[in-house]
Amino acid sequence: MTYDSGESFRCAVEDRLRVQSLQTGVPLVRLRKMVIFDRFLVRLMQDPPDAWVLKGGLALRIQGVPVNDVQFQSKR
C-alpha cells in the first residue's frame, strides 16, 4: 500500500498498533519499540550481515525483558 505522506503512513501504523495492543494486551509503547527495532535491523541487514553484532542486552531490553545496566563503582 502507498501513502500520500509520511504523516498518513505514521497514522496508519499507529492505528494498527493501537488495535493490536487492545486485542493482545501488549502495551502500545512496547509494540512501537518492536516496530522501530525491527526496521532498524532491516537497515542493518542491508550491509553485509557479518559486519554487525547485536548484543544480547539490547535485544532483551527491546523485547521488554528487565535488564540491569552494569555499573562500575570505585572501591573507595
C-alpha atoms as a PDB file:
ATOM      1  CA  MET A   1       0.000   0.000   0.000  1.00  0.00           C
ATOM      2  CA  THR A   2       1.219   3.501  -0.807  1.00  0.00           C
ATOM      3  CA  TYR A   3       0.529   6.521   1.390  1.00  0.00           C
ATOM      4  CA  ASP A   4       0.245  10.159   0.361  1.00  0.00           C
ATOM      5  CA  SER A   5       2.675  11.379   3.002  1.00  0.00           C
ATOM      6  CA  GLY A   6       4.864  10.298   5.846  1.00  0.00           C
ATOM      7  CA  GLU A   7       2.254  11.599   8.259  1.00  0.00           C
ATOM      8  CA  SER A   8      -0.502   9.433   6.773  1.00  0.00           C
ATOM      9  CA  PHE A   9       1.801   6.393   6.972  1.00  0.00           C
ATOM     10  CA  ARG A  10       2.606   7.157  10.613  1.00  0.00           C
ATOM     11  CA  CYS A  11      -1.103   7.490  11.440  1.00  0.00           C
ATOM     12  CA  ALA A  12      -1.866   4.153   9.758  1.00  0.00           C
ATOM     13  CA  VAL A  13       0.905   2.422  11.711  1.00  0.00           C
ATOM     14  CA  GLU A  14      -0.295   3.997  14.979  1.00  0.00           C
ATOM     15  CA  ASP A  15      -3.883   2.903  14.326  1.00  0.00           C
ATOM     16  CA  ARG A  16      -2.799  -0.640  13.564  1.00  0.00           C
ATOM     17  CA  LEU A  17      -0.596  -0.820  16.661  1.00  0.00           C
ATOM     18  CA  ARG A  18      -3.376   0.586  18.856  1.00  0.00           C
ATOM     19  CA  VAL A  19      -5.791  -2.109  17.651  1.00  0.00           C
ATOM     20  CA  GLN A  20      -3.181  -4.818  18.155  1.00  0.00           C
ATOM     21  CA  SER A  21      -2.469  -3.514  21.661  1.00  0.00           C
ATOM     22  CA  LEU A  22      -6.147  -3.655  22.587  1.00  0.00           C
ATOM     23  CA  GLN A  23      -6.546  -7.158  21.162  1.00  0.00           C
ATOM     24  CA  THR A  24      -3.422  -8.678  22.698  1.00  0.00           C
ATOM     25  CA  GLY A  25      -2.944  -6.661  25.876  1.00  0.00           C
ATOM     26  CA  VAL A  26       0.630  -5.834  24.882  1.00  0.00           C
ATOM     27  CA  PRO A  27       1.400  -2.219  25.853  1.00  0.00           C
ATOM     28  CA  LEU A  28       1.352   0.212  22.936  1.00  0.00           C
ATOM     29  CA  VAL A  29       4.798   1.545  23.851  1.00  0.00           C
ATOM     30  CA  ARG A  30       6.263  -1.957  23.628  1.00  0.00           C
ATOM     31  CA  LEU A  31       4.708  -2.523  20.198  1.00  0.00           C
ATOM     32  CA  ARG A  32       6.141   0.783  18.980  1.00  0.00           C
ATOM     33  CA  LYS A  33       9.602  -0.211  20.184  1.00  0.00           C
ATOM     34  CA  MET A  34       9.311  -3.587  18.477  1.00  0.00           C
ATOM     35  CA  VAL A  35       8.451  -1.931  15.145  1.00  0.00           C
ATOM     36  CA  ILE A  36      11.322   0.542  15.464  1.00  0.00           C
ATOM     37  CA  PHE A  37      13.757  -2.207  16.390  1.00  0.00           C
ATOM     38  CA  ASP A  38      12.562  -4.378  13.506  1.00  0.00           C
ATOM     39  CA  ARG A  39      13.066  -1.561  10.991  1.00  0.00           C
ATOM     40  CA  PHE A  40      16.494  -0.854  12.494  1.00  0.00           C
ATOM     41  CA  LEU A  41      17.523  -4.472  11.976  1.00  0.00           C
ATOM     42  CA  VAL A  42      16.282  -4.403   8.373  1.00  0.00           C
ATOM     43  CA  ARG A  43      18.520  -1.406   7.712  1.00  0.00           C
ATOM     44  CA  LEU A  44      21.495  -3.119   9.305  1.00  0.00           C
ATOM     45  CA  MET A  45      20.961  -6.219   7.198  1.00  0.00           C
ATOM     46  CA  GLN A  46      21.290  -4.149   4.017  1.00  0.00           C
ATOM     47  CA  ASP A  47      25.022  -4.092   4.749  1.00  0.00           C
ATOM     48  CA  PRO A  48      26.878  -7.387   4.816  1.00  0.00           C
ATOM     49  CA  PRO A  49      25.319  -9.260   7.756  1.00  0.00           C
ATOM     50  CA  ASP A  50      28.744 -10.286   9.056  1.00  0.00           C
ATOM     51  CA  ALA A  51      29.604  -6.624   9.662  1.00  0.00           C
ATOM     52  CA  TRP A  52      27.253  -6.324  12.682  1.00  0.00           C
ATOM     53  CA  VAL A  53      26.897  -7.943  16.071  1.00  0.00           C
ATOM     54  CA  LEU A  54      23.740  -7.445  18.095  1.00  0.00           C
ATOM     55  CA  LYS A  55      24.434  -7.566  21.796  1.00  0.00           C
ATOM     56  CA  GLY A  56      22.021  -9.669  23.832  1.00  0.00           C
ATOM     57  CA  GLY A  57      21.234  -6.975  26.381  1.00  0.00           C
ATOM     58  CA  LEU A  58      19.903  -4.641  23.709  1.00  0.00           C
ATOM     59  CA  ALA A  59      17.780  -7.366  22.153  1.00  0.00           C
ATOM     60  CA  LEU A  60      16.387  -8.341  25.544  1.00  0.00           C
ATOM     61  CA  ARG A  61      15.658  -4.753  26.545  1.00  0.00           C
ATOM     62  CA  ILE A  62      13.798  -4.063  23.286  1.00  0.00           C
ATOM     63  CA  GLN A  63      11.637  -7.121  23.953  1.00  0.00           C
ATOM     64  CA  GLY A  64      10.742  -5.817  27.394  1.00  0.00           C
ATOM     65  CA  VAL A  65      12.862  -8.185  29.469  1.00  0.00           C
ATOM     66  CA  PRO A  66      14.195  -6.325  32.523  1.00  0.00           C
ATOM     67  CA  VAL A  67      17.928  -5.896  32.109  1.00  0.00           C
ATOM     68  CA  ASN A  68      20.066  -4.170  34.706  1.00  0.00           C
ATOM     69  CA  ASP A  69      22.799  -1.924  33.422  1.00  0.00           C
ATOM     70  CA  VAL A  70      26.280  -2.864  34.502  1.00  0.00           C
ATOM     71  CA  GLN A  71      27.663  -0.187  36.764  1.00  0.00           C
ATOM     72  CA  PHE A  72      31.297   0.088  37.700  1.00  0.00           C
ATOM     73  CA  GLN A  73      31.924   1.583  41.107  1.00  0.00           C
ATOM     74  CA  SER A  74      35.079   2.595  42.849  1.00  0.00           C
ATOM     75  CA  LYS A  75      36.030   0.507  45.905  1.00  0.00           C
ATOM     76  CA  ARG A  76      36.888   3.661  47.852  1.00  0.00           C
END
